[in-house]
């Protein structure tokens, strides 16, 4: 296991909040049959996902901020879209 950095953990948390917000938004775009937005969001999403994989492959403890960020990101996006109805 590599070195653990609180700065990297915070960055992972923030990146995965954005990742899950984008993933939820991606699903919304696909449901709306919007090919351009879906494709753009997908390419940004997978670029950010690669950062997480590289980070937690060096130290498994980074999975905790990753999972927390995923939870927060999805919760924010679904709550936001729920209000649009």
PDB file of N, CA and C in Angstrom:
ATOM      1  N   UNK A   1       0.838  -1.172   0.000  1.00  0.00           N
ATOM      2  CA  UNK A   1       0.000   0.000   0.000  1.00  0.00           C
ATOM      3  C   UNK A   1       0.887   1.240   0.000  1.00  0.00           C
ATOM      4  N   UNK A   2       0.540   2.197  -0.846  1.00  0.00           N
ATOM      5  CA  UNK A   2       1.334   3.417  -0.945  1.00  0.00           C
ATOM      6  C   UNK A   2       1.030   4.391   0.177  1.00  0.00           C
ATOM      7  N   UNK A   3       1.670   5.526   0.097  1.00  0.00           N
ATOM      8  CA  UNK A   3       1.454   6.574   1.094  1.00  0.00           C
ATOM      9  C   UNK A   3       0.042   7.133   0.978  1.00  0.00           C
ATOM     10  N   UNK A   4      -0.522   7.517   2.114  1.00  0.00           N
ATOM     11  CA  UNK A   4      -1.846   8.125   2.160  1.00  0.00           C
ATOM     12  C   UNK A   4      -1.686   9.624   2.365  1.00  0.00           C
ATOM     13  N   UNK A   5      -2.372  10.401   1.551  1.00  0.00           N
ATOM     14  CA  UNK A   5      -2.322  11.850   1.656  1.00  0.00           C
ATOM     15  C   UNK A   5      -3.742  12.383   1.853  1.00  0.00           C
ATOM     16  N   UNK A   6      -3.932  13.204   2.875  1.00  0.00           N
ATOM     17  CA  UNK A   6      -5.251  13.792   3.103  1.00  0.00           C
ATOM     18  C   UNK A   6      -5.638  14.740   1.970  1.00  0.00           C
ATOM     19  N   UNK A   7      -4.657  15.388   1.374  1.00  0.00           N
ATOM     20  CA  UNK A   7      -4.927  16.258   0.235  1.00  0.00           C
ATOM     21  C   UNK A   7      -5.454  15.470  -0.956  1.00  0.00           C
ATOM     22  N   UNK A   8      -4.815  14.325  -1.239  1.00  0.00           N
ATOM     23  CA  UNK A   8      -5.286  13.464  -2.321  1.00  0.00           C
ATOM     24  C   UNK A   8      -6.666  12.920  -1.996  1.00  0.00           C
ATOM     25  N   UNK A   9      -6.890  12.540  -0.736  1.00  0.00           N
ATOM     26  CA  UNK A   9      -8.203  12.022  -0.327  1.00  0.00           C
ATOM     27  C   UNK A   9      -9.281  13.084  -0.529  1.00  0.00           C
ATOM     28  N   UNK A  10      -8.989  14.333  -0.181  1.00  0.00           N
ATOM     29  CA  UNK A  10      -9.952  15.421  -0.376  1.00  0.00           C
ATOM     30  C   UNK A  10     -10.221  15.650  -1.862  1.00  0.00           C
ATOM     31  N   UNK A  11      -9.167  15.578  -2.664  1.00  0.00           N
ATOM     32  CA  UNK A  11      -9.332  15.744  -4.103  1.00  0.00           C
ATOM     33  C   UNK A  11     -10.184  14.620  -4.682  1.00  0.00           C
ATOM     34  N   UNK A  12      -9.945  13.400  -4.243  1.00  0.00           N
ATOM     35  CA  UNK A  12     -10.743  12.263  -4.700  1.00  0.00           C
ATOM     36  C   UNK A  12     -12.209  12.454  -4.309  1.00  0.00           C
ATOM     37  N   UNK A  13     -12.446  12.887  -3.086  1.00  0.00           N
ATOM     38  CA  UNK A  13     -13.814  13.144  -2.631  1.00  0.00           C
ATOM     39  C   UNK A  13     -14.497  14.149  -3.569  1.00  0.00           C
ATOM     40  N   UNK A  14     -13.844  15.258  -3.848  1.00  0.00           N
ATOM     41  CA  UNK A  14     -14.424  16.286  -4.718  1.00  0.00           C
ATOM     42  C   UNK A  14     -14.613  15.782  -6.150  1.00  0.00           C
ATOM     43  N   UNK A  15     -13.608  15.072  -6.662  1.00  0.00           N
ATOM     44  CA  UNK A  15     -13.711  14.549  -8.027  1.00  0.00           C
ATOM     45  C   UNK A  15     -14.875  13.573  -8.133  1.00  0.00           C
ATOM     46  N   UNK A  16     -15.064  12.733  -7.126  1.00  0.00           N
ATOM     47  CA  UNK A  16     -16.140  11.744  -7.216  1.00  0.00           C
ATOM     48  C   UNK A  16     -17.514  12.313  -6.899  1.00  0.00           C
ATOM     49  N   UNK A  17     -17.573  13.462  -6.254  1.00  0.00           N
ATOM     50  CA  UNK A  17     -18.851  14.175  -6.180  1.00  0.00           C
ATOM     51  C   UNK A  17     -19.228  14.601  -7.596  1.00  0.00           C
ATOM     52  N   UNK A  18     -18.267  15.179  -8.304  1.00  0.00           N
ATOM     53  CA  UNK A  18     -18.501  15.610  -9.685  1.00  0.00           C
ATOM     54  C   UNK A  18     -18.786  14.405 -10.581  1.00  0.00           C
ATOM     55  N   UNK A  19     -18.035  13.320 -10.421  1.00  0.00           N
ATOM     56  CA  UNK A  19     -18.232  12.121 -11.234  1.00  0.00           C
ATOM     57  C   UNK A  19     -19.661  11.614 -11.102  1.00  0.00           C
ATOM     58  N   UNK A  20     -20.143  11.493  -9.892  1.00  0.00           N
ATOM     59  CA  UNK A  20     -21.486  10.950  -9.737  1.00  0.00           C
ATOM     60  C   UNK A  20     -22.567  11.933 -10.148  1.00  0.00           C
ATOM     61  N   UNK A  21     -22.293  13.216 -10.005  1.00  0.00           N
ATOM     62  CA  UNK A  21     -23.238  14.196 -10.541  1.00  0.00           C
ATOM     63  C   UNK A  21     -23.299  14.065 -12.060  1.00  0.00           C
ATOM     64  N   UNK A  22     -22.139  13.905 -12.684  1.00  0.00           N
ATOM     65  CA  UNK A  22     -22.108  13.722 -14.133  1.00  0.00           C
ATOM     66  C   UNK A  22     -22.755  12.412 -14.556  1.00  0.00           C
ATOM     67  N   UNK A  23     -22.531  11.355 -13.784  1.00  0.00           N
ATOM     68  CA  UNK A  23     -23.127  10.058 -14.135  1.00  0.00           C
ATOM     69  C   UNK A  23     -24.650  10.128 -14.073  1.00  0.00           C
ATOM     70  N   UNK A  24     -25.177  10.744 -13.028  1.00  0.00           N
ATOM     71  CA  UNK A  24     -26.632  10.894 -12.919  1.00  0.00           C
ATOM     72  C   UNK A  24     -27.148  11.762 -14.071  1.00  0.00           C
ATOM     73  N   UNK A  25     -26.420  12.828 -14.386  1.00  0.00           N
ATOM     74  CA  UNK A  25     -26.815  13.701 -15.485  1.00  0.00           C
ATOM     75  C   UNK A  25     -26.722  12.970 -16.829  1.00  0.00           C
ATOM     76  N   UNK A  26     -25.718  12.123 -16.968  1.00  0.00           N
ATOM     77  CA  UNK A  26     -25.565  11.318 -18.183  1.00  0.00           C
ATOM     78  C   UNK A  26     -26.804  10.450 -18.401  1.00  0.00           C
ATOM     79  N   UNK A  27     -27.265   9.798 -17.352  1.00  0.00           N
ATOM     80  CA  UNK A  27     -28.459   8.952 -17.463  1.00  0.00           C
ATOM     81  C   UNK A  27     -29.673   9.791 -17.861  1.00  0.00           C
ATOM     82  N   UNK A  28     -29.781  10.970 -17.285  1.00  0.00           N
ATOM     83  CA  UNK A  28     -30.881  11.872 -17.632  1.00  0.00           C
ATOM     84  C   UNK A  28     -30.802  12.254 -19.114  1.00  0.00           C
ATOM     85  N   UNK A  29     -29.605  12.570 -19.605  1.00  0.00           N
ATOM     86  CA  UNK A  29     -29.424  12.939 -21.013  1.00  0.00           C
ATOM     87  C   UNK A  29     -29.755  11.777 -21.944  1.00  0.00           C
ATOM     88  N   UNK A  30     -29.364  10.571 -21.565  1.00  0.00           N
ATOM     89  CA  UNK A  30     -29.665   9.399 -22.381  1.00  0.00           C
ATOM     90  C   UNK A  30     -31.181   9.169 -22.419  1.00  0.00           C
ATOM     91  N   UNK A  31     -31.836   9.301 -21.267  1.00  0.00           N
ATOM     92  CA  UNK A  31     -33.295   9.147 -21.236  1.00  0.00           C
ATOM     93  C   UNK A  31     -33.986  10.154 -22.151  1.00  0.00           C
ATOM     94  N   UNK A  32     -33.431  11.357 -22.241  1.00  0.00           N
ATOM     95  CA  UNK A  32     -34.007  12.401 -23.096  1.00  0.00           C
ATOM     96  C   UNK A  32     -33.598  12.238 -24.559  1.00  0.00           C
ATOM     97  N   UNK A  33     -32.787  11.232 -24.849  1.00  0.00           N
ATOM     98  CA  UNK A  33     -32.286  10.966 -26.200  1.00  0.00           C
ATOM     99  C   UNK A  33     -31.509  12.157 -26.767  1.00  0.00           C
ATOM    100  N   UNK A  34     -30.639  12.720 -25.943  1.00  0.00           N
ATOM    101  CA  UNK A  34     -29.812  13.865 -26.337  1.00  0.00           C
ATOM    102  C   UNK A  34     -28.397  13.359 -26.613  1.00  0.00           C
ATOM    103  N   UNK A  35     -28.087  13.035 -27.881  1.00  0.00           N
ATOM    104  CA  UNK A  35     -26.803  12.392 -28.178  1.00  0.00           C
ATOM    105  C   UNK A  35     -25.581  13.264 -27.909  1.00  0.00           C
ATOM    106  N   UNK A  36     -25.645  14.550 -28.186  1.00  0.00           N
ATOM    107  CA  UNK A  36     -24.483  15.408 -27.980  1.00  0.00           C
ATOM    108  C   UNK A  36     -24.133  15.548 -26.514  1.00  0.00           C
ATOM    109  N   UNK A  37     -25.118  15.888 -25.698  1.00  0.00           N
ATOM    110  CA  UNK A  37     -24.849  16.027 -24.261  1.00  0.00           C
ATOM    111  C   UNK A  37     -24.417  14.702 -23.654  1.00  0.00           C
ATOM    112  N   UNK A  38     -25.076  13.631 -24.042  1.00  0.00           N
ATOM    113  CA  UNK A  38     -24.710  12.314 -23.513  1.00  0.00           C
ATOM    114  C   UNK A  38     -23.260  11.978 -23.832  1.00  0.00           C
ATOM    115  N   UNK A  39     -22.852  12.233 -25.065  1.00  0.00           N
ATOM    116  CA  UNK A  39     -21.488  11.914 -25.493  1.00  0.00           C
ATOM    117  C   UNK A  39     -20.453  12.787 -24.782  1.00  0.00           C
ATOM    118  N   UNK A  40     -20.741  14.070 -24.651  1.00  0.00           N
ATOM    119  CA  UNK A  40     -19.803  14.976 -23.986  1.00  0.00           C
ATOM    120  C   UNK A  40     -19.658  14.611 -22.509  1.00  0.00           C
ATOM    121  N   UNK A  41     -20.791  14.407 -21.844  1.00  0.00           N
ATOM    122  CA  UNK A  41     -20.754  14.050 -20.422  1.00  0.00           C
ATOM    123  C   UNK A  41     -20.029  12.723 -20.233  1.00  0.00           C
ATOM    124  N   UNK A  42     -20.265  11.777 -21.120  1.00  0.00           N
ATOM    125  CA  UNK A  42     -19.614  10.466 -21.023  1.00  0.00           C
ATOM    126  C   UNK A  42     -18.098  10.581 -21.137  1.00  0.00           C
ATOM    127  N   UNK A  43     -17.612  11.390 -22.060  1.00  0.00           N
ATOM    128  CA  UNK A  43     -16.157  11.504 -22.224  1.00  0.00           C
ATOM    129  C   UNK A  43     -15.510  12.185 -21.015  1.00  0.00           C
ATOM    130  N   UNK A  44     -16.152  13.203 -20.460  1.00  0.00           N
ATOM    131  CA  UNK A  44     -15.621  13.853 -19.259  1.00  0.00           C
ATOM    132  C   UNK A  44     -15.682  12.888 -18.079  1.00  0.00           C
ATOM    133  N   UNK A  45     -16.790  12.179 -17.981  1.00  0.00           N
ATOM    134  CA  UNK A  45     -16.990  11.224 -16.889  1.00  0.00           C
ATOM    135  C   UNK A  45     -15.892  10.165 -16.852  1.00  0.00           C
ATOM    136  N   UNK A  46     -15.607   9.555 -17.981  1.00  0.00           N
ATOM    137  CA  UNK A  46     -14.600   8.494 -17.999  1.00  0.00           C
ATOM    138  C   UNK A  46     -13.185   9.019 -17.785  1.00  0.00           C
ATOM    139  N   UNK A  47     -12.939  10.256 -18.165  1.00  0.00           N
ATOM    140  CA  UNK A  47     -11.631  10.848 -17.883  1.00  0.00           C
ATOM    141  C   UNK A  47     -11.432  11.018 -16.377  1.00  0.00           C
ATOM    142  N   UNK A  48     -12.476  11.483 -15.689  1.00  0.00           N
ATOM    143  CA  UNK A  48     -12.389  11.647 -14.239  1.00  0.00           C
ATOM    144  C   UNK A  48     -12.342  10.297 -13.515  1.00  0.00           C
ATOM    145  N   UNK A  49     -13.055   9.312 -14.039  1.00  0.00           N
ATOM    146  CA  UNK A  49     -13.032   7.979 -13.421  1.00  0.00           C
ATOM    147  C   UNK A  49     -11.625   7.390 -13.420  1.00  0.00           C
ATOM    148  N   UNK A  50     -10.868   7.667 -14.460  1.00  0.00           N
ATOM    149  CA  UNK A  50      -9.503   7.149 -14.542  1.00  0.00           C
ATOM    150  C   UNK A  50      -8.649   7.670 -13.387  1.00  0.00           C
ATOM    151  N   UNK A  51      -8.869   8.914 -12.982  1.00  0.00           N
ATOM    152  CA  UNK A  51      -8.137   9.486 -11.847  1.00  0.00           C
ATOM    153  C   UNK A  51      -8.374   8.669 -10.585  1.00  0.00           C
ATOM    154  N   UNK A  52      -9.614   8.293 -10.344  1.00  0.00           N
ATOM    155  CA  UNK A  52      -9.941   7.485  -9.163  1.00  0.00           C
ATOM    156  C   UNK A  52      -9.293   6.121  -9.196  1.00  0.00           C
ATOM    157  N   UNK A  53      -9.326   5.487 -10.346  1.00  0.00           N
ATOM    158  CA  UNK A  53      -8.739   4.146 -10.469  1.00  0.00           C
ATOM    159  C   UNK A  53      -7.242   4.188 -10.186  1.00  0.00           C
ATOM    160  N   UNK A  54      -6.566   5.170 -10.751  1.00  0.00           N
ATOM    161  CA  UNK A  54      -5.129   5.299 -10.520  1.00  0.00           C
ATOM    162  C   UNK A  54      -4.855   5.548  -9.039  1.00  0.00           C
ATOM    163  N   UNK A  55      -5.684   6.366  -8.400  1.00  0.00           N
ATOM    164  CA  UNK A  55      -5.472   6.702  -6.988  1.00  0.00           C
ATOM    165  C   UNK A  55      -5.682   5.505  -6.069  1.00  0.00           C
ATOM    166  N   UNK A  56      -6.813   4.802  -6.215  1.00  0.00           N
ATOM    167  CA  UNK A  56      -7.053   3.711  -5.277  1.00  0.00           C
ATOM    168  C   UNK A  56      -6.263   2.458  -5.610  1.00  0.00           C
ATOM    169  N   UNK A  57      -5.706   2.383  -6.813  1.00  0.00           N
ATOM    170  CA  UNK A  57      -4.833   1.250  -7.089  1.00  0.00           C
ATOM    171  C   UNK A  57      -3.494   1.408  -6.367  1.00  0.00           C
ATOM    172  N   UNK A  58      -3.167   2.647  -5.988  1.00  0.00           N
ATOM    173  CA  UNK A  58      -1.947   2.894  -5.211  1.00  0.00           C
ATOM    174  C   UNK A  58      -2.183   2.701  -3.722  1.00  0.00           C
ATOM    175  N   UNK A  59      -3.408   2.982  -3.258  1.00  0.00           N
ATOM    176  CA  UNK A  59      -3.726   2.835  -1.836  1.00  0.00           C
ATOM    177  C   UNK A  59      -5.227   2.624  -1.693  1.00  0.00           C
ATOM    178  N   UNK A  60      -5.609   1.467  -1.211  1.00  0.00           N
ATOM    179  CA  UNK A  60      -7.014   1.090  -1.114  1.00  0.00           C
ATOM    180  C   UNK A  60      -7.812   1.989  -0.157  1.00  0.00           C
ATOM    181  N   UNK A  61      -7.125   2.690   0.731  1.00  0.00           N
ATOM    182  CA  UNK A  61      -7.824   3.598   1.654  1.00  0.00           C
ATOM    183  C   UNK A  61      -8.517   4.745   0.921  1.00  0.00           C
ATOM    184  N   UNK A  62      -8.093   5.024  -0.313  1.00  0.00           N
ATOM    185  CA  UNK A  62      -8.742   6.075  -1.090  1.00  0.00           C
ATOM    186  C   UNK A  62     -10.151   5.683  -1.535  1.00  0.00           C
ATOM    187  N   UNK A  63     -10.520   4.419  -1.348  1.00  0.00           N
ATOM    188  CA  UNK A  63     -11.880   4.005  -1.683  1.00  0.00           C
ATOM    189  C   UNK A  63     -12.915   4.669  -0.772  1.00  0.00           C
ATOM    190  N   UNK A  64     -12.528   5.021   0.454  1.00  0.00           N
ATOM    191  CA  UNK A  64     -13.476   5.656   1.376  1.00  0.00           C
ATOM    192  C   UNK A  64     -13.905   7.042   0.894  1.00  0.00           C
ATOM    193  N   UNK A  65     -12.971   7.947   0.568  1.00  0.00           N
ATOM    194  CA  UNK A  65     -13.431   9.233   0.035  1.00  0.00           C
ATOM    195  C   UNK A  65     -14.108   9.087  -1.329  1.00  0.00           C
ATOM    196  N   UNK A  66     -13.695   8.086  -2.111  1.00  0.00           N
ATOM    197  CA  UNK A  66     -14.299   7.838  -3.404  1.00  0.00           C
ATOM    198  C   UNK A  66     -15.779   7.466  -3.229  1.00  0.00           C
ATOM    199  N   UNK A  67     -16.065   6.526  -2.339  1.00  0.00           N
ATOM    200  CA  UNK A  67     -17.447   6.094  -2.104  1.00  0.00           C
ATOM    201  C   UNK A  67     -18.282   7.222  -1.496  1.00  0.00           C
ATOM    202  N   UNK A  68     -17.697   7.987  -0.609  1.00  0.00           N
ATOM    203  CA  UNK A  68     -18.415   9.114   0.005  1.00  0.00           C
ATOM    204  C   UNK A  68     -18.753  10.170  -1.046  1.00  0.00           C
ATOM    205  N   UNK A  69     -17.800  10.466  -1.905  1.00  0.00           N
ATOM    206  CA  UNK A  69     -18.048  11.421  -2.982  1.00  0.00           C
ATOM    207  C   UNK A  69     -19.117  10.937  -3.941  1.00  0.00           C
ATOM    208  N   UNK A  70     -19.111   9.641  -4.239  1.00  0.00           N
ATOM    209  CA  UNK A  70     -20.133   9.061  -5.117  1.00  0.00           C
ATOM    210  C   UNK A  70     -21.518   9.216  -4.499  1.00  0.00           C
ATOM    211  N   UNK A  71     -21.633   8.937  -3.221  1.00  0.00           N
ATOM    212  CA  UNK A  71     -22.914   9.070  -2.522  1.00  0.00           C
ATOM    213  C   UNK A  71     -23.409  10.518  -2.581  1.00  0.00           C
ATOM    214  N   UNK A  72     -22.532  11.453  -2.239  1.00  0.00           N
ATOM    215  CA  UNK A  72     -22.916  12.869  -2.202  1.00  0.00           C
ATOM    216  C   UNK A  72     -23.310  13.367  -3.594  1.00  0.00           C
ATOM    217  N   UNK A  73     -22.530  13.009  -4.586  1.00  0.00           N
ATOM    218  CA  UNK A  73     -22.807  13.461  -5.954  1.00  0.00           C
ATOM    219  C   UNK A  73     -24.136  12.984  -6.486  1.00  0.00           C
ATOM    220  N   UNK A  74     -24.438  11.713  -6.271  1.00  0.00           N
ATOM    221  CA  UNK A  74     -25.726  11.185  -6.727  1.00  0.00           C
ATOM    222  C   UNK A  74     -26.873  11.809  -5.948  1.00  0.00           C
ATOM    223  N   UNK A  75     -26.704  11.933  -4.642  1.00  0.00           N
ATOM    224  CA  UNK A  75     -27.759  12.512  -3.806  1.00  0.00           C
ATOM    225  C   UNK A  75     -28.083  13.937  -4.246  1.00  0.00           C
ATOM    226  N   UNK A  76     -27.054  14.738  -4.500  1.00  0.00           N
ATOM    227  CA  UNK A  76     -27.262  16.129  -4.928  1.00  0.00           C
ATOM    228  C   UNK A  76     -28.000  16.183  -6.262  1.00  0.00           C
ATOM    229  N   UNK A  77     -27.559  15.394  -7.232  1.00  0.00           N
ATOM    230  CA  UNK A  77     -28.148  15.466  -8.567  1.00  0.00           C
ATOM    231  C   UNK A  77     -29.587  14.972  -8.585  1.00  0.00           C
ATOM    232  N   UNK A  78     -29.852  13.856  -7.937  1.00  0.00           N
ATOM    233  CA  UNK A  78     -31.212  13.322  -7.929  1.00  0.00           C
ATOM    234  C   UNK A  78     -32.139  14.269  -7.159  1.00  0.00           C
ATOM    235  N   UNK A  79     -31.665  14.843  -6.069  1.00  0.00           N
ATOM    236  CA  UNK A  79     -32.478  15.814  -5.331  1.00  0.00           C
ATOM    237  C   UNK A  79     -32.777  17.044  -6.183  1.00  0.00           C
ATOM    238  N   UNK A  80     -31.780  17.504  -6.926  1.00  0.00           N
ATOM    239  CA  UNK A  80     -31.937  18.669  -7.805  1.00  0.00           C
ATOM    240  C   UNK A  80     -32.946  18.379  -8.916  1.00  0.00           C
ATOM    241  N   UNK A  81     -32.814  17.222  -9.564  1.00  0.00           N
ATOM    242  CA  UNK A  81     -33.718  16.877 -10.668  1.00  0.00           C
ATOM    243  C   UNK A  81     -35.129  16.583 -10.153  1.00  0.00           C
ATOM    244  N   UNK A  82     -35.234  16.093  -8.933  1.00  0.00           N
ATOM    245  CA  UNK A  82     -36.544  15.812  -8.340  1.00  0.00           C
ATOM    246  C   UNK A  82     -37.349  17.104  -8.227  1.00  0.00           C
ATOM    247  N   UNK A  83     -36.665  18.203  -7.959  1.00  0.00           N
ATOM    248  CA  UNK A  83     -37.320  19.498  -7.840  1.00  0.00           C
ATOM    249  C   UNK A  83     -37.763  20.084  -9.163  1.00  0.00           C
ATOM    250  N   UNK A  84     -37.267  19.537 -10.296  1.00  0.00           N
ATOM    251  CA  UNK A  84     -37.629  20.044 -11.623  1.00  0.00           C
ATOM    252  C   UNK A  84     -39.006  19.573 -12.091  1.00  0.00           C
ATOM    253  N   UNK A  85     -39.582  18.610 -11.407  1.00  0.00           N
ATOM    254  CA  UNK A  85     -40.857  18.035 -11.877  1.00  0.00           C
ATOM    255  C   UNK A  85     -41.994  18.969 -11.717  1.00  0.00           C
TER     256      UNK A  85
END
